[in-house]
Amino acid sequence: MSAPGITVSSLPGLPVAGLKDSSGDMSRLHGELDTFDGWIYTGSADLVLAAGALGCAGTILAIADVEPEQAVAAASPPGRGGARLGGSSRGRAP
């Protein structure tokens, strides 16, 4: 967590529908998924595939501004170019 940062334990009390985690920390992402009931997006290119498999709502990657096609290809399962990451039950927020 970068300073000042928000602790994982404080997430359920925040008045937000979703969050973006760019930490690149798999342990933190797991903690967020366990404690936060809203949409979770990863901003870490290293965690794109894991985030989708874990049920994150999607990704928000800076590289998508420069190379959008490559960002979509990286986040899509083989043979499903352009598929939305996640498609999961994590999107419970209104």
C-alpha atoms as a PDB file:
ATOM      1  CA  MET A   1       0.000   0.000   0.000  1.00  0.00           C
ATOM      2  CA  SER A   2       1.430   3.361  -0.932  1.00  0.00           C
ATOM      3  CA  ALA A   3       1.230   6.248   1.510  1.00  0.00           C
ATOM      4  CA  PRO A   4      -1.166   7.480   2.646  1.00  0.00           C
ATOM      5  CA  GLY A   5      -3.102   4.520   1.241  1.00  0.00           C
ATOM      6  CA  ILE A   6      -6.309   2.863   2.331  1.00  0.00           C
ATOM      7  CA  THR A   7      -6.188  -0.310   4.374  1.00  0.00           C
ATOM      8  CA  VAL A   8      -8.095  -3.338   3.117  1.00  0.00           C
ATOM      9  CA  SER A   9      -9.961  -3.557   6.417  1.00  0.00           C
ATOM     10  CA  SER A  10     -11.406  -0.057   5.892  1.00  0.00           C
ATOM     11  CA  LEU A  11     -12.856  -0.808   2.424  1.00  0.00           C
ATOM     12  CA  PRO A  12     -16.287  -2.117   3.526  1.00  0.00           C
ATOM     13  CA  GLY A  13     -17.013   1.171   5.292  1.00  0.00           C
ATOM     14  CA  LEU A  14     -16.317   3.407   2.299  1.00  0.00           C
ATOM     15  CA  PRO A  15     -19.262   4.977   0.431  1.00  0.00           C
ATOM     16  CA  VAL A  16     -18.107   3.734  -2.988  1.00  0.00           C
ATOM     17  CA  ALA A  17     -19.473   1.215  -5.474  1.00  0.00           C
ATOM     18  CA  GLY A  18     -16.092   0.066  -6.754  1.00  0.00           C
ATOM     19  CA  LEU A  19     -12.341   0.401  -6.579  1.00  0.00           C
ATOM     20  CA  LYS A  20      -9.233   0.173  -8.694  1.00  0.00           C
ATOM     21  CA  ASP A  21      -6.183  -1.550  -7.249  1.00  0.00           C
ATOM     22  CA  SER A  22      -2.913  -0.777  -9.003  1.00  0.00           C
ATOM     23  CA  SER A  23      -0.703  -2.206  -6.267  1.00  0.00           C
ATOM     24  CA  GLY A  24       0.235  -5.342  -8.201  1.00  0.00           C
ATOM     25  CA  ASP A  25       0.024  -7.203  -4.885  1.00  0.00           C
ATOM     26  CA  MET A  26      -1.844 -10.499  -5.259  1.00  0.00           C
ATOM     27  CA  SER A  27      -2.290 -10.841  -1.483  1.00  0.00           C
ATOM     28  CA  ARG A  28      -3.924  -7.421  -1.306  1.00  0.00           C
ATOM     29  CA  LEU A  29      -6.206  -8.265  -4.242  1.00  0.00           C
ATOM     30  CA  HIS A  30      -7.320 -11.452  -2.458  1.00  0.00           C
ATOM     31  CA  GLY A  31      -7.988  -9.425   0.694  1.00  0.00           C
ATOM     32  CA  GLU A  32     -10.051  -6.903  -1.241  1.00  0.00           C
ATOM     33  CA  LEU A  33     -12.103  -9.645  -2.844  1.00  0.00           C
ATOM     34  CA  ASP A  34     -12.721 -11.186   0.580  1.00  0.00           C
ATOM     35  CA  THR A  35     -13.752  -7.950   2.319  1.00  0.00           C
ATOM     36  CA  PHE A  36     -15.200  -5.565  -0.283  1.00  0.00           C
ATOM     37  CA  ASP A  37     -18.605  -6.259  -1.834  1.00  0.00           C
ATOM     38  CA  GLY A  38     -18.393  -3.870  -4.798  1.00  0.00           C
ATOM     39  CA  TRP A  39     -16.746  -3.849  -8.183  1.00  0.00           C
ATOM     40  CA  ILE A  40     -12.998  -4.393  -8.127  1.00  0.00           C
ATOM     41  CA  TYR A  41     -10.770  -3.506 -11.058  1.00  0.00           C
ATOM     42  CA  THR A  42      -7.056  -4.155 -11.332  1.00  0.00           C
ATOM     43  CA  GLY A  43      -4.730  -1.535 -12.717  1.00  0.00           C
ATOM     44  CA  SER A  44      -1.770  -3.914 -12.751  1.00  0.00           C
ATOM     45  CA  ALA A  45      -0.890  -5.534 -16.064  1.00  0.00           C
ATOM     46  CA  ASP A  46       0.793  -8.359 -14.141  1.00  0.00           C
ATOM     47  CA  LEU A  47      -2.526  -9.348 -12.536  1.00  0.00           C
ATOM     48  CA  VAL A  48      -4.878  -9.051 -15.525  1.00  0.00           C
ATOM     49  CA  LEU A  49      -5.475 -12.768 -16.084  1.00  0.00           C
ATOM     50  CA  ALA A  50      -5.532 -13.626 -12.384  1.00  0.00           C
ATOM     51  CA  ALA A  51      -7.990 -10.805 -11.713  1.00  0.00           C
ATOM     52  CA  GLY A  52     -10.368 -12.165 -14.327  1.00  0.00           C
ATOM     53  CA  ALA A  53     -10.095 -15.697 -12.973  1.00  0.00           C
ATOM     54  CA  LEU A  54     -10.710 -14.452  -9.426  1.00  0.00           C
ATOM     55  CA  GLY A  55     -13.869 -12.606 -10.443  1.00  0.00           C
ATOM     56  CA  CYS A  56     -12.780  -8.980 -10.654  1.00  0.00           C
ATOM     57  CA  ALA A  57     -15.071  -6.722 -12.669  1.00  0.00           C
ATOM     58  CA  GLY A  58     -12.318  -5.851 -15.148  1.00  0.00           C
ATOM     59  CA  THR A  59      -9.151  -3.871 -15.672  1.00  0.00           C
ATOM     60  CA  ILE A  60      -8.205  -0.241 -16.078  1.00  0.00           C
ATOM     61  CA  LEU A  61      -4.745  -0.213 -17.610  1.00  0.00           C
ATOM     62  CA  ALA A  62      -2.698   2.790 -18.702  1.00  0.00           C
ATOM     63  CA  ILE A  63      -1.343   0.766 -21.637  1.00  0.00           C
ATOM     64  CA  ALA A  64      -4.881   0.668 -23.054  1.00  0.00           C
ATOM     65  CA  ASP A  65      -4.572   4.386 -23.841  1.00  0.00           C
ATOM     66  CA  VAL A  66      -1.588   3.675 -26.089  1.00  0.00           C
ATOM     67  CA  GLU A  67      -2.208   0.136 -27.365  1.00  0.00           C
ATOM     68  CA  PRO A  68      -5.913  -0.643 -26.882  1.00  0.00           C
ATOM     69  CA  GLU A  69      -5.946  -3.706 -29.131  1.00  0.00           C
ATOM     70  CA  GLN A  70      -3.027  -5.279 -27.287  1.00  0.00           C
ATOM     71  CA  ALA A  71      -4.651  -4.519 -23.922  1.00  0.00           C
ATOM     72  CA  VAL A  72      -7.866  -6.264 -25.006  1.00  0.00           C
ATOM     73  CA  ALA A  73      -5.911  -9.228 -26.355  1.00  0.00           C
ATOM     74  CA  ALA A  74      -3.955  -9.545 -23.099  1.00  0.00           C
ATOM     75  CA  ALA A  75      -7.147  -9.527 -21.036  1.00  0.00           C
ATOM     76  CA  SER A  76      -9.084 -11.937 -23.254  1.00  0.00           C
ATOM     77  CA  PRO A  77      -9.009 -15.715 -23.039  1.00  0.00           C
ATOM     78  CA  PRO A  78      -7.361 -17.414 -26.040  1.00  0.00           C
ATOM     79  CA  GLY A  79      -9.736 -17.548 -28.977  1.00  0.00           C
ATOM     80  CA  ARG A  80     -12.085 -14.937 -27.519  1.00  0.00           C
ATOM     81  CA  GLY A  81     -10.602 -11.643 -28.616  1.00  0.00           C
ATOM     82  CA  GLY A  82     -12.509  -8.732 -27.199  1.00  0.00           C
ATOM     83  CA  ALA A  83     -14.205 -10.724 -24.461  1.00  0.00           C
ATOM     84  CA  ARG A  84     -14.973  -8.731 -21.312  1.00  0.00           C
ATOM     85  CA  LEU A  85     -12.828  -9.714 -18.366  1.00  0.00           C
ATOM     86  CA  GLY A  86     -14.629 -11.243 -15.441  1.00  0.00           C
ATOM     87  CA  GLY A  87     -18.273 -11.674 -16.298  1.00  0.00           C
ATOM     88  CA  SER A  88     -18.588 -12.617 -12.674  1.00  0.00           C
ATOM     89  CA  SER A  89     -20.798 -12.298  -9.646  1.00  0.00           C
ATOM     90  CA  ARG A  90     -18.473  -9.633  -8.219  1.00  0.00           C
ATOM     91  CA  GLY A  91     -20.491  -6.885  -9.897  1.00  0.00           C
ATOM     92  CA  ARG A  92     -23.014  -6.713  -7.077  1.00  0.00           C
ATOM     93  CA  ALA A  93     -22.914  -2.974  -6.660  1.00  0.00           C
ATOM     94  CA  PRO A  94     -25.790  -1.018  -8.233  1.00  0.00           C
END
